[in-house]
PDB file of N, CA and C in Angstrom:
ATOM      1  N   MET A   1       0.845  -1.175   0.000  1.00  0.00           N
ATOM      2  CA  MET A   1       0.000   0.000   0.000  1.00  0.00           C
ATOM      3  C   MET A   1       0.892   1.241   0.000  1.00  0.00           C
ATOM      4  N   ASP A   2       0.526   2.232  -0.776  1.00  0.00           N
ATOM      5  CA  ASP A   2       1.257   3.492  -0.826  1.00  0.00           C
ATOM      6  C   ASP A   2       0.666   4.468   0.191  1.00  0.00           C
ATOM      7  N   TRP A   3       1.533   5.289   0.757  1.00  0.00           N
ATOM      8  CA  TRP A   3       1.117   6.235   1.784  1.00  0.00           C
ATOM      9  C   TRP A   3       1.601   7.637   1.449  1.00  0.00           C
ATOM     10  N   LEU A   4       0.851   8.633   1.883  1.00  0.00           N
ATOM     11  CA  LEU A   4       1.289  10.025   1.878  1.00  0.00           C
ATOM     12  C   LEU A   4       1.755  10.331   3.296  1.00  0.00           C
ATOM     13  N   HIS A   5       2.961  10.882   3.424  1.00  0.00           N
ATOM     14  CA  HIS A   5       3.542  11.152   4.736  1.00  0.00           C
ATOM     15  C   HIS A   5       3.545  12.654   4.997  1.00  0.00           C
ATOM     16  N   PHE A   6       3.235  13.025   6.246  1.00  0.00           N
ATOM     17  CA  PHE A   6       3.223  14.419   6.670  1.00  0.00           C
ATOM     18  C   PHE A   6       4.013  14.539   7.969  1.00  0.00           C
ATOM     19  N   LEU A   7       4.719  15.643   8.113  1.00  0.00           N
ATOM     20  CA  LEU A   7       5.466  15.931   9.324  1.00  0.00           C
ATOM     21  C   LEU A   7       5.261  17.398   9.666  1.00  0.00           C
ATOM     22  N   VAL A   8       4.806  17.648  10.889  1.00  0.00           N
ATOM     23  CA  VAL A   8       4.617  19.017  11.368  1.00  0.00           C
ATOM     24  C   VAL A   8       5.381  19.127  12.683  1.00  0.00           C
ATOM     25  N   SER A   9       6.301  20.073  12.758  1.00  0.00           N
ATOM     26  CA  SER A   9       7.083  20.198  13.990  1.00  0.00           C
ATOM     27  C   SER A   9       7.284  21.665  14.339  1.00  0.00           C
ATOM     28  N   ASP A  10       7.610  21.875  15.601  1.00  0.00           N
ATOM     29  CA  ASP A  10       7.936  23.218  16.053  1.00  0.00           C
ATOM     30  C   ASP A  10       9.145  23.154  16.982  1.00  0.00           C
ATOM     31  N   ASN A  11       9.672  24.288  17.310  1.00  0.00           N
ATOM     32  CA  ASN A  11      10.818  24.350  18.222  1.00  0.00           C
ATOM     33  C   ASN A  11      10.419  25.073  19.508  1.00  0.00           C
ATOM     34  N   GLY A  12       9.164  24.864  19.916  1.00  0.00           N
ATOM     35  CA  GLY A  12       8.621  25.532  21.096  1.00  0.00           C
ATOM     36  C   GLY A  12       9.062  24.898  22.400  1.00  0.00           C
ATOM     37  N   ALA A  13       8.250  25.119  23.424  1.00  0.00           N
ATOM     38  CA  ALA A  13       8.570  24.685  24.780  1.00  0.00           C
ATOM     39  C   ALA A  13       8.574  23.170  24.940  1.00  0.00           C
ATOM     40  N   GLY A  14       7.818  22.470  24.113  1.00  0.00           N
ATOM     41  CA  GLY A  14       7.747  21.017  24.226  1.00  0.00           C
ATOM     42  C   GLY A  14       6.921  20.567  25.416  1.00  0.00           C
ATOM     43  N   MET A  15       6.821  19.252  25.602  1.00  0.00           N
ATOM     44  CA  MET A  15       6.037  18.680  26.693  1.00  0.00           C
ATOM     45  C   MET A  15       6.863  17.610  27.399  1.00  0.00           C
ATOM     46  N   ASP A  16       6.600  17.455  28.690  1.00  0.00           N
ATOM     47  CA  ASP A  16       7.226  16.344  29.399  1.00  0.00           C
ATOM     48  C   ASP A  16       6.406  15.081  29.154  1.00  0.00           C
ATOM     49  N   GLU A  17       6.879  13.950  29.655  1.00  0.00           N
ATOM     50  CA  GLU A  17       6.225  12.661  29.406  1.00  0.00           C
ATOM     51  C   GLU A  17       4.789  12.630  29.934  1.00  0.00           C
ATOM     52  N   LYS A  18       4.553  13.241  31.072  1.00  0.00           N
ATOM     53  CA  LYS A  18       3.202  13.255  31.656  1.00  0.00           C
ATOM     54  C   LYS A  18       2.230  14.027  30.756  1.00  0.00           C
ATOM     55  N   GLN A  19       2.645  15.191  30.286  1.00  0.00           N
ATOM     56  CA  GLN A  19       1.800  15.998  29.394  1.00  0.00           C
ATOM     57  C   GLN A  19       1.570  15.270  28.066  1.00  0.00           C
ATOM     58  N   LEU A  20       2.613  14.661  27.544  1.00  0.00           N
ATOM     59  CA  LEU A  20       2.519  13.953  26.279  1.00  0.00           C
ATOM     60  C   LEU A  20       1.570  12.758  26.396  1.00  0.00           C
ATOM     61  N   LYS A  21       1.661  12.024  27.494  1.00  0.00           N
ATOM     62  CA  LYS A  21       0.751  10.896  27.714  1.00  0.00           C
ATOM     63  C   LYS A  21      -0.696  11.371  27.812  1.00  0.00           C
ATOM     64  N   ALA A  22      -0.923  12.474  28.517  1.00  0.00           N
ATOM     65  CA  ALA A  22      -2.274  13.013  28.647  1.00  0.00           C
ATOM     66  C   ALA A  22      -2.834  13.400  27.276  1.00  0.00           C
ATOM     67  N   LEU A  23      -2.006  14.004  26.438  1.00  0.00           N
ATOM     68  CA  LEU A  23      -2.439  14.369  25.085  1.00  0.00           C
ATOM     69  C   LEU A  23      -2.751  13.120  24.266  1.00  0.00           C
ATOM     70  N   ARG A  24      -1.864  12.154  24.300  1.00  0.00           N
ATOM     71  CA  ARG A  24      -2.095  10.915  23.551  1.00  0.00           C
ATOM     72  C   ARG A  24      -3.385  10.224  24.018  1.00  0.00           C
ATOM     73  N   ASP A  25      -3.632  10.247  25.324  1.00  0.00           N
ATOM     74  CA  ASP A  25      -4.852   9.638  25.861  1.00  0.00           C
ATOM     75  C   ASP A  25      -6.109  10.339  25.332  1.00  0.00           C
ATOM     76  N   ARG A  26      -6.023  11.637  25.082  1.00  0.00           N
ATOM     77  CA  ARG A  26      -7.177  12.397  24.580  1.00  0.00           C
ATOM     78  C   ARG A  26      -7.450  12.121  23.101  1.00  0.00           C
ATOM     79  N   LEU A  27      -6.566  11.401  22.431  1.00  0.00           N
ATOM     80  CA  LEU A  27      -6.792  11.088  21.022  1.00  0.00           C
ATOM     81  C   LEU A  27      -7.780   9.940  20.832  1.00  0.00           C
ATOM     82  N   ASP A  28      -8.320   9.414  21.929  1.00  0.00           N
ATOM     83  CA  ASP A  28      -9.350   8.377  21.823  1.00  0.00           C
ATOM     84  C   ASP A  28     -10.517   8.934  21.023  1.00  0.00           C
ATOM     85  N   ILE A  29     -10.849   8.272  19.933  1.00  0.00           N
ATOM     86  CA  ILE A  29     -11.866   8.765  19.006  1.00  0.00           C
ATOM     87  C   ILE A  29     -13.246   8.879  19.656  1.00  0.00           C
ATOM     88  N   ASN A  30     -13.490   8.121  20.711  1.00  0.00           N
ATOM     89  CA  ASN A  30     -14.801   8.134  21.354  1.00  0.00           C
ATOM     90  C   ASN A  30     -14.907   9.124  22.506  1.00  0.00           C
ATOM     91  N   GLU A  31     -13.795   9.724  22.885  1.00  0.00           N
ATOM     92  CA  GLU A  31     -13.814  10.658  24.007  1.00  0.00           C
ATOM     93  C   GLU A  31     -14.419  11.987  23.582  1.00  0.00           C
ATOM     94  N   LYS A  32     -15.267  12.524  24.435  1.00  0.00           N
ATOM     95  CA  LYS A  32     -15.879  13.837  24.184  1.00  0.00           C
ATOM     96  C   LYS A  32     -14.853  14.928  24.492  1.00  0.00           C
ATOM     97  N   PRO A  33     -14.859  16.023  23.716  1.00  0.00           N
ATOM     98  CA  PRO A  33     -13.903  17.108  23.974  1.00  0.00           C
ATOM     99  C   PRO A  33     -14.181  17.783  25.319  1.00  0.00           C
ATOM    100  N   ASP A  34     -13.129  18.213  25.975  1.00  0.00           N
ATOM    101  CA  ASP A  34     -13.230  18.962  27.224  1.00  0.00           C
ATOM    102  C   ASP A  34     -13.166  20.444  26.859  1.00  0.00           C
ATOM    103  N   PRO A  35     -14.281  21.176  27.032  1.00  0.00           N
ATOM    104  CA  PRO A  35     -14.313  22.574  26.578  1.00  0.00           C
ATOM    105  C   PRO A  35     -13.303  23.486  27.261  1.00  0.00           C
ATOM    106  N   GLY A  36     -12.760  23.087  28.403  1.00  0.00           N
ATOM    107  CA  GLY A  36     -11.810  23.930  29.105  1.00  0.00           C
ATOM    108  C   GLY A  36     -10.371  23.718  28.690  1.00  0.00           C
ATOM    109  N   LYS A  37     -10.127  22.793  27.764  1.00  0.00           N
ATOM    110  CA  LYS A  37      -8.754  22.482  27.367  1.00  0.00           C
ATOM    111  C   LYS A  37      -8.546  22.771  25.887  1.00  0.00           C
ATOM    112  N   SER A  38      -7.290  22.950  25.530  1.00  0.00           N
ATOM    113  CA  SER A  38      -6.958  23.122  24.123  1.00  0.00           C
ATOM    114  C   SER A  38      -7.332  21.857  23.366  1.00  0.00           C
ATOM    115  N   VAL A  39      -7.976  22.011  22.220  1.00  0.00           N
ATOM    116  CA  VAL A  39      -8.430  20.841  21.477  1.00  0.00           C
ATOM    117  C   VAL A  39      -7.901  20.817  20.048  1.00  0.00           C
ATOM    118  N   GLY A  40      -7.006  21.699  19.694  1.00  0.00           N
ATOM    119  CA  GLY A  40      -6.541  21.804  18.318  1.00  0.00           C
ATOM    120  C   GLY A  40      -6.034  20.507  17.733  1.00  0.00           C
ATOM    121  N   ILE A  41      -5.029  19.900  18.337  1.00  0.00           N
ATOM    122  CA  ILE A  41      -4.442  18.688  17.782  1.00  0.00           C
ATOM    123  C   ILE A  41      -5.401  17.519  17.888  1.00  0.00           C
ATOM    124  N   VAL A  42      -6.195  17.477  18.959  1.00  0.00           N
ATOM    125  CA  VAL A  42      -7.187  16.418  19.123  1.00  0.00           C
ATOM    126  C   VAL A  42      -8.247  16.537  18.031  1.00  0.00           C
ATOM    127  N   ASN A  43      -8.683  17.746  17.758  1.00  0.00           N
ATOM    128  CA  ASN A  43      -9.674  17.990  16.711  1.00  0.00           C
ATOM    129  C   ASN A  43      -9.131  17.566  15.345  1.00  0.00           C
ATOM    130  N   VAL A  44      -7.909  17.926  15.052  1.00  0.00           N
ATOM    131  CA  VAL A  44      -7.299  17.547  13.771  1.00  0.00           C
ATOM    132  C   VAL A  44      -7.237  16.029  13.643  1.00  0.00           C
ATOM    133  N   TYR A  45      -6.772  15.363  14.692  1.00  0.00           N
ATOM    134  CA  TYR A  45      -6.672  13.906  14.654  1.00  0.00           C
ATOM    135  C   TYR A  45      -8.039  13.263  14.408  1.00  0.00           C
ATOM    136  N   LYS A  46      -9.051  13.697  15.157  1.00  0.00           N
ATOM    137  CA  LYS A  46     -10.373  13.079  15.037  1.00  0.00           C
ATOM    138  C   LYS A  46     -10.969  13.307  13.656  1.00  0.00           C
ATOM    139  N   ARG A  47     -10.769  14.480  13.101  1.00  0.00           N
ATOM    140  CA  ARG A  47     -11.276  14.743  11.742  1.00  0.00           C
ATOM    141  C   ARG A  47     -10.567  13.866  10.706  1.00  0.00           C
ATOM    142  N   LEU A  48      -9.244  13.758  10.823  1.00  0.00           N
ATOM    143  CA  LEU A  48      -8.498  12.892   9.901  1.00  0.00           C
ATOM    144  C   LEU A  48      -8.952  11.441  10.050  1.00  0.00           C
ATOM    145  N   TYR A  49      -9.088  10.993  11.281  1.00  0.00           N
ATOM    146  CA  TYR A  49      -9.491   9.615  11.543  1.00  0.00           C
ATOM    147  C   TYR A  49     -10.858   9.317  10.923  1.00  0.00           C
ATOM    148  N   LEU A  50     -11.804  10.214  11.135  1.00  0.00           N
ATOM    149  CA  LEU A  50     -13.149   9.997  10.599  1.00  0.00           C
ATOM    150  C   LEU A  50     -13.172  10.090   9.071  1.00  0.00           C
ATOM    151  N   TYR A  51     -12.477  11.061   8.518  1.00  0.00           N
ATOM    152  CA  TYR A  51     -12.500  11.239   7.066  1.00  0.00           C
ATOM    153  C   TYR A  51     -11.829  10.075   6.348  1.00  0.00           C
ATOM    154  N   TYR A  52     -10.696   9.634   6.871  1.00  0.00           N
ATOM    155  CA  TYR A  52      -9.955   8.561   6.208  1.00  0.00           C
ATOM    156  C   TYR A  52     -10.331   7.179   6.741  1.00  0.00           C
ATOM    157  N   GLU A  53     -11.384   7.130   7.528  1.00  0.00           N
ATOM    158  CA  GLU A  53     -11.975   5.874   7.992  1.00  0.00           C
ATOM    159  C   GLU A  53     -10.940   4.911   8.564  1.00  0.00           C
ATOM    160  N   GLY A  54     -10.061   5.436   9.392  1.00  0.00           N
ATOM    161  CA  GLY A  54      -9.077   4.591  10.046  1.00  0.00           C
ATOM    162  C   GLY A  54      -7.828   4.301   9.234  1.00  0.00           C
ATOM    163  N   HIS A  55      -7.770   4.704   7.967  1.00  0.00           N
ATOM    164  CA  HIS A  55      -6.563   4.494   7.154  1.00  0.00           C
ATOM    165  C   HIS A  55      -5.565   5.610   7.450  1.00  0.00           C
ATOM    166  N   LEU A  56      -5.152   5.651   8.702  1.00  0.00           N
ATOM    167  CA  LEU A  56      -4.336   6.747   9.204  1.00  0.00           C
ATOM    168  C   LEU A  56      -3.390   6.211  10.265  1.00  0.00           C
ATOM    169  N   GLU A  57      -2.155   6.656  10.225  1.00  0.00           N
ATOM    170  CA  GLU A  57      -1.199   6.417  11.304  1.00  0.00           C
ATOM    171  C   GLU A  57      -0.763   7.783  11.809  1.00  0.00           C
ATOM    172  N   PHE A  58      -0.767   7.968  13.120  1.00  0.00           N
ATOM    173  CA  PHE A  58      -0.593   9.282  13.722  1.00  0.00           C
ATOM    174  C   PHE A  58       0.268   9.144  14.969  1.00  0.00           C
ATOM    175  N   THR A  59       1.389   9.857  15.038  1.00  0.00           N
ATOM    176  CA  THR A  59       2.250   9.819  16.219  1.00  0.00           C
ATOM    177  C   THR A  59       2.637  11.229  16.638  1.00  0.00           C
ATOM    178  N   ILE A  60       2.821  11.383  17.931  1.00  0.00           N
ATOM    179  CA  ILE A  60       3.256  12.668  18.491  1.00  0.00           C
ATOM    180  C   ILE A  60       4.462  12.388  19.386  1.00  0.00           C
ATOM    181  N   SER A  61       5.500  13.177  19.212  1.00  0.00           N
ATOM    182  CA  SER A  61       6.654  13.106  20.104  1.00  0.00           C
ATOM    183  C   SER A  61       6.995  14.526  20.534  1.00  0.00           C
ATOM    184  N   SER A  62       7.608  14.640  21.696  1.00  0.00           N
ATOM    185  CA  SER A  62       7.925  15.970  22.217  1.00  0.00           C
ATOM    186  C   SER A  62       9.009  15.872  23.276  1.00  0.00           C
ATOM    187  N   LYS A  63       9.807  16.925  23.373  1.00  0.00           N
ATOM    188  CA  LYS A  63      10.823  17.025  24.418  1.00  0.00           C
ATOM    189  C   LYS A  63      10.836  18.458  24.939  1.00  0.00           C
ATOM    190  N   ILE A  64      10.958  18.569  26.241  1.00  0.00           N
ATOM    191  CA  ILE A  64      11.036  19.884  26.875  1.00  0.00           C
ATOM    192  C   ILE A  64      12.186  20.675  26.257  1.00  0.00           C
ATOM    193  N   SER A  65      11.926  21.924  25.961  1.00  0.00           N
ATOM    194  CA  SER A  65      12.885  22.881  25.387  1.00  0.00           C
ATOM    195  C   SER A  65      13.334  22.550  23.968  1.00  0.00           C
ATOM    196  N   GLU A  66      12.773  21.503  23.369  1.00  0.00           N
ATOM    197  CA  GLU A  66      13.140  21.151  21.993  1.00  0.00           C
ATOM    198  C   GLU A  66      11.977  21.255  21.027  1.00  0.00           C
ATOM    199  N   GLY A  67      10.752  21.109  21.522  1.00  0.00           N
ATOM    200  CA  GLY A  67       9.595  21.229  20.657  1.00  0.00           C
ATOM    201  C   GLY A  67       8.798  19.939  20.529  1.00  0.00           C
ATOM    202  N   THR A  68       7.860  19.973  19.608  1.00  0.00           N
ATOM    203  CA  THR A  68       6.931  18.869  19.399  1.00  0.00           C
ATOM    204  C   THR A  68       6.903  18.512  17.922  1.00  0.00           C
ATOM    205  N   CYS A  69       6.731  17.232  17.649  1.00  0.00           N
ATOM    206  CA  CYS A  69       6.673  16.743  16.281  1.00  0.00           C
ATOM    207  C   CYS A  69       5.453  15.832  16.125  1.00  0.00           C
ATOM    208  N   VAL A  70       4.646  16.135  15.136  1.00  0.00           N
ATOM    209  CA  VAL A  70       3.490  15.305  14.800  1.00  0.00           C
ATOM    210  C   VAL A  70       3.763  14.703  13.430  1.00  0.00           C
ATOM    211  N   LYS A  71       3.686  13.380  13.362  1.00  0.00           N
ATOM    212  CA  LYS A  71       3.855  12.669  12.099  1.00  0.00           C
ATOM    213  C   LYS A  71       2.577  11.897  11.836  1.00  0.00           C
ATOM    214  N   PHE A  72       2.108  11.988  10.612  1.00  0.00           N
ATOM    215  CA  PHE A  72       0.984  11.134  10.255  1.00  0.00           C
ATOM    216  C   PHE A  72       1.088  10.747   8.799  1.00  0.00           C
ATOM    217  N   ARG A  73       0.439   9.638   8.498  1.00  0.00           N
ATOM    218  CA  ARG A  73       0.396   9.198   7.119  1.00  0.00           C
ATOM    219  C   ARG A  73      -0.979   8.638   6.841  1.00  0.00           C
ATOM    220  N   ILE A  74      -1.406   8.839   5.607  1.00  0.00           N
ATOM    221  CA  ILE A  74      -2.710   8.347   5.181  1.00  0.00           C
ATOM    222  C   ILE A  74      -2.518   7.490   3.937  1.00  0.00           C
ATOM    223  N   SER A  75      -3.379   6.528   3.813  1.00  0.00           N
ATOM    224  CA  SER A  75      -3.330   5.642   2.662  1.00  0.00           C
ATOM    225  C   SER A  75      -3.589   6.450   1.397  1.00  0.00           C
ATOM    226  N   TYR A  76      -2.708   6.325   0.427  1.00  0.00           N
ATOM    227  CA  TYR A  76      -2.881   7.051  -0.827  1.00  0.00           C
ATOM    228  C   TYR A  76      -4.205   6.701  -1.483  1.00  0.00           C
ATOM    229  N   GLU A  77      -4.611   5.457  -1.347  1.00  0.00           N
ATOM    230  CA  GLU A  77      -5.880   5.000  -1.931  1.00  0.00           C
ATOM    231  C   GLU A  77      -7.050   5.804  -1.395  1.00  0.00           C
ATOM    232  N   ARG A  78      -6.997   6.228  -0.125  1.00  0.00           N
ATOM    233  CA  ARG A  78      -8.106   6.963   0.498  1.00  0.00           C
ATOM    234  C   ARG A  78      -8.120   8.432   0.101  1.00  0.00           C
ATOM    235  N   THR A  79      -7.112   8.895  -0.622  1.00  0.00           N
ATOM    236  CA  THR A  79      -7.110  10.303  -1.022  1.00  0.00           C
ATOM    237  C   THR A  79      -7.916  10.539  -2.289  1.00  0.00           C
ATOM    238  N   LYS A  80      -8.303   9.474  -2.949  1.00  0.00           N
ATOM    239  CA  LYS A  80      -9.087   9.608  -4.182  1.00  0.00           C
ATOM    240  C   LYS A  80     -10.526   9.982  -3.833  1.00  0.00           C
ATOM    241  N   PRO A  81     -11.188  10.761  -4.668  1.00  0.00           N
ATOM    242  CA  PRO A  81     -12.565  11.169  -4.375  1.00  0.00           C
ATOM    243  C   PRO A  81     -13.475   9.960  -4.180  1.00  0.00           C
ATOM    244  N   ARG A  82     -14.360  10.110  -3.216  1.00  0.00           N
ATOM    245  CA  ARG A  82     -15.345   9.051  -2.977  1.00  0.00           C
ATOM    246  C   ARG A  82     -16.461   9.147  -3.986  1.00  0.00           C
ATOM    247  N   PRO A  83     -17.059   7.978  -4.349  1.00  0.00           N
ATOM    248  CA  PRO A  83     -18.179   8.020  -5.309  1.00  0.00           C
ATOM    249  C   PRO A  83     -19.414   8.663  -4.724  1.00  0.00           C
TER     250      PRO A  83
END
């Protein structure tokens, strides 16, 4: 299977392991958004997941003082227009 690969990174403050785990835990597709928290990356993930019907691989890594990196790939087959 062919894939399209995407990488989005920054050189910001980064996250420690506890913060990163909490973010990863919020990527559960069935979890309701918490209106008091930032939902940007969670929203992006859920939209990609729903649109590409699970043909998605998504990872987040981060280090304090180094920044955060989001990598995802989608099946090339799923990028074609739906009938």
